[in-house]
C-alpha atoms as a PDB file:
ATOM      1  CA  UNK A   1       0.000   0.000   0.000  1.00  0.00           C
ATOM      2  CA  UNK A   2       1.297   3.454  -0.873  1.00  0.00           C
ATOM      3  CA  UNK A   3       1.403   5.937   1.960  1.00  0.00           C
ATOM      4  CA  UNK A   4       2.262   9.035  -0.039  1.00  0.00           C
ATOM      5  CA  UNK A   5       2.289   9.138  -3.805  1.00  0.00           C
ATOM      6  CA  UNK A   6       3.562  12.409  -5.229  1.00  0.00           C
ATOM      7  CA  UNK A   7       2.475  13.527  -8.658  1.00  0.00           C
ATOM      8  CA  UNK A   8       3.854  16.589 -10.348  1.00  0.00           C
ATOM      9  CA  UNK A   9       0.967  18.978 -10.977  1.00  0.00           C
ATOM     10  CA  UNK A  10       2.829  22.058 -12.199  1.00  0.00           C
ATOM     11  CA  UNK A  11       5.411  21.765 -14.976  1.00  0.00           C
ATOM     12  CA  UNK A  12       7.266  24.145 -17.247  1.00  0.00           C
ATOM     13  CA  UNK A  13       6.294  21.870 -20.136  1.00  0.00           C
ATOM     14  CA  UNK A  14       2.759  23.291 -19.822  1.00  0.00           C
ATOM     15  CA  UNK A  15       3.033  26.995 -20.750  1.00  0.00           C
ATOM     16  CA  UNK A  16      -0.294  27.834 -19.094  1.00  0.00           C
ATOM     17  CA  UNK A  17       1.363  27.382 -15.663  1.00  0.00           C
ATOM     18  CA  UNK A  18       4.251  29.779 -16.295  1.00  0.00           C
ATOM     19  CA  UNK A  19       2.608  33.214 -16.194  1.00  0.00           C
ATOM     20  CA  UNK A  20       0.294  32.715 -13.195  1.00  0.00           C
ATOM     21  CA  UNK A  21       3.108  31.362 -11.032  1.00  0.00           C
ATOM     22  CA  UNK A  22       6.061  33.484 -12.209  1.00  0.00           C
ATOM     23  CA  UNK A  23       4.597  36.622 -13.756  1.00  0.00           C
ATOM     24  CA  UNK A  24       6.735  35.955 -16.830  1.00  0.00           C
ATOM     25  CA  UNK A  25       5.507  35.356 -20.338  1.00  0.00           C
ATOM     26  CA  UNK A  26       6.612  31.936 -21.636  1.00  0.00           C
ATOM     27  CA  UNK A  27       9.191  33.495 -24.006  1.00  0.00           C
ATOM     28  CA  UNK A  28      10.820  35.401 -21.124  1.00  0.00           C
ATOM     29  CA  UNK A  29      10.709  32.304 -18.966  1.00  0.00           C
ATOM     30  CA  UNK A  30      12.536  30.309 -21.660  1.00  0.00           C
ATOM     31  CA  UNK A  31      15.176  33.067 -21.778  1.00  0.00           C
ATOM     32  CA  UNK A  32      15.543  32.852 -17.996  1.00  0.00           C
ATOM     33  CA  UNK A  33      16.033  29.076 -18.208  1.00  0.00           C
ATOM     34  CA  UNK A  34      18.714  29.568 -20.892  1.00  0.00           C
ATOM     35  CA  UNK A  35      20.539  32.123 -18.716  1.00  0.00           C
ATOM     36  CA  UNK A  36      20.439  29.788 -15.724  1.00  0.00           C
ATOM     37  CA  UNK A  37      21.742  26.931 -17.907  1.00  0.00           C
ATOM     38  CA  UNK A  38      24.613  29.071 -19.217  1.00  0.00           C
ATOM     39  CA  UNK A  39      25.586  30.027 -15.674  1.00  0.00           C
ATOM     40  CA  UNK A  40      25.818  26.433 -14.436  1.00  0.00           C
ATOM     41  CA  UNK A  41      22.224  25.587 -13.614  1.00  0.00           C
ATOM     42  CA  UNK A  42      22.839  21.866 -14.074  1.00  0.00           C
ATOM     43  CA  UNK A  43      25.679  21.814 -11.532  1.00  0.00           C
ATOM     44  CA  UNK A  44      25.359  21.403  -7.789  1.00  0.00           C
ATOM     45  CA  UNK A  45      26.034  24.827  -6.259  1.00  0.00           C
ATOM     46  CA  UNK A  46      28.805  23.859  -3.850  1.00  0.00           C
ATOM     47  CA  UNK A  47      30.388  21.283  -6.165  1.00  0.00           C
ATOM     48  CA  UNK A  48      30.126  18.486  -3.589  1.00  0.00           C
ATOM     49  CA  UNK A  49      28.482  15.186  -4.464  1.00  0.00           C
ATOM     50  CA  UNK A  50      24.939  14.927  -3.272  1.00  0.00           C
ATOM     51  CA  UNK A  51      21.414  14.022  -4.125  1.00  0.00           C
ATOM     52  CA  UNK A  52      20.561  15.042  -7.660  1.00  0.00           C
ATOM     53  CA  UNK A  53      17.328  16.836  -8.498  1.00  0.00           C
ATOM     54  CA  UNK A  54      14.512  14.729  -9.879  1.00  0.00           C
ATOM     55  CA  UNK A  55      13.174  17.797 -11.711  1.00  0.00           C
ATOM     56  CA  UNK A  56      14.581  19.086 -14.963  1.00  0.00           C
ATOM     57  CA  UNK A  57      16.180  22.533 -15.112  1.00  0.00           C
ATOM     58  CA  UNK A  58      13.074  24.308 -16.467  1.00  0.00           C
ATOM     59  CA  UNK A  59      10.919  22.852 -13.691  1.00  0.00           C
ATOM     60  CA  UNK A  60      13.504  23.832 -11.059  1.00  0.00           C
ATOM     61  CA  UNK A  61      13.533  27.407 -12.386  1.00  0.00           C
ATOM     62  CA  UNK A  62       9.723  27.418 -12.305  1.00  0.00           C
ATOM     63  CA  UNK A  63       9.717  26.097  -8.730  1.00  0.00           C
ATOM     64  CA  UNK A  64      12.163  28.781  -7.505  1.00  0.00           C
ATOM     65  CA  UNK A  65      10.384  31.575  -9.400  1.00  0.00           C
ATOM     66  CA  UNK A  66       7.087  30.414  -7.878  1.00  0.00           C
ATOM     67  CA  UNK A  67       8.716  30.376  -4.441  1.00  0.00           C
ATOM     68  CA  UNK A  68       9.931  33.956  -4.797  1.00  0.00           C
ATOM     69  CA  UNK A  69       6.775  35.317  -6.363  1.00  0.00           C
ATOM     70  CA  UNK A  70       4.150  33.724  -4.129  1.00  0.00           C
ATOM     71  CA  UNK A  71       5.793  34.097  -0.709  1.00  0.00           C
ATOM     72  CA  UNK A  72       4.838  30.469   0.066  1.00  0.00           C
ATOM     73  CA  UNK A  73       7.200  28.100   1.851  1.00  0.00           C
ATOM     74  CA  UNK A  74       8.740  25.142   0.042  1.00  0.00           C
ATOM     75  CA  UNK A  75       6.601  22.733   2.062  1.00  0.00           C
ATOM     76  CA  UNK A  76       3.553  24.279   0.338  1.00  0.00           C
ATOM     77  CA  UNK A  77       5.005  24.576  -3.165  1.00  0.00           C
ATOM     78  CA  UNK A  78       7.034  21.349  -3.287  1.00  0.00           C
ATOM     79  CA  UNK A  79       4.088  18.941  -3.521  1.00  0.00           C
ATOM     80  CA  UNK A  80       2.756  20.818  -6.573  1.00  0.00           C
ATOM     81  CA  UNK A  81       6.006  19.904  -8.314  1.00  0.00           C
ATOM     82  CA  UNK A  82       6.038  16.331  -7.013  1.00  0.00           C
ATOM     83  CA  UNK A  83       8.862  17.079  -4.551  1.00  0.00           C
ATOM     84  CA  UNK A  84       8.591  15.200  -1.274  1.00  0.00           C
ATOM     85  CA  UNK A  85       8.835  17.061   2.043  1.00  0.00           C
ATOM     86  CA  UNK A  86      12.084  15.217   2.818  1.00  0.00           C
ATOM     87  CA  UNK A  87      13.693  16.521  -0.375  1.00  0.00           C
ATOM     88  CA  UNK A  88      13.085  20.203   0.298  1.00  0.00           C
ATOM     89  CA  UNK A  89      14.277  20.564   3.866  1.00  0.00           C
ATOM     90  CA  UNK A  90      16.341  23.661   3.086  1.00  0.00           C
ATOM     91  CA  UNK A  91      14.842  26.939   1.902  1.00  0.00           C
ATOM     92  CA  UNK A  92      16.625  28.839  -0.893  1.00  0.00           C
ATOM     93  CA  UNK A  93      19.188  31.386   0.295  1.00  0.00           C
ATOM     94  CA  UNK A  94      17.878  34.822   1.197  1.00  0.00           C
ATOM     95  CA  UNK A  95      14.452  33.994   2.605  1.00  0.00           C
ATOM     96  CA  UNK A  96      14.363  33.959   6.348  1.00  0.00           C
ATOM     97  CA  UNK A  97      11.301  33.452   8.502  1.00  0.00           C
ATOM     98  CA  UNK A  98       8.991  33.003   5.519  1.00  0.00           C
ATOM     99  CA  UNK A  99       9.088  36.528   4.187  1.00  0.00           C
ATOM    100  CA  UNK A 100      10.653  38.249   1.223  1.00  0.00           C
ATOM    101  CA  UNK A 101      14.029  39.906   1.473  1.00  0.00           C
ATOM    102  CA  UNK A 102      13.515  43.423   2.914  1.00  0.00           C
END
């Protein structure tokens, strides 16, 4: 019996999700993904070996953009992307106590 089955609801492969969650038109979002890819988006930030992302780069960019735009915590956003609570134990840098950077 499955206790928790996670299904990805929001994906960058469906353009209708991009604008409501990021505020970016799909063309601008694709440009953002290209910029992130050029600047090492596929690499692990600290260069140490670790758990690899299950999401593709475009979905990761969408997840982070949604995080910054909506002011929701990762525990609320993660399940929409099929990310388990155990996988998102650390909030992105710069957001303390659940609020935007002052």
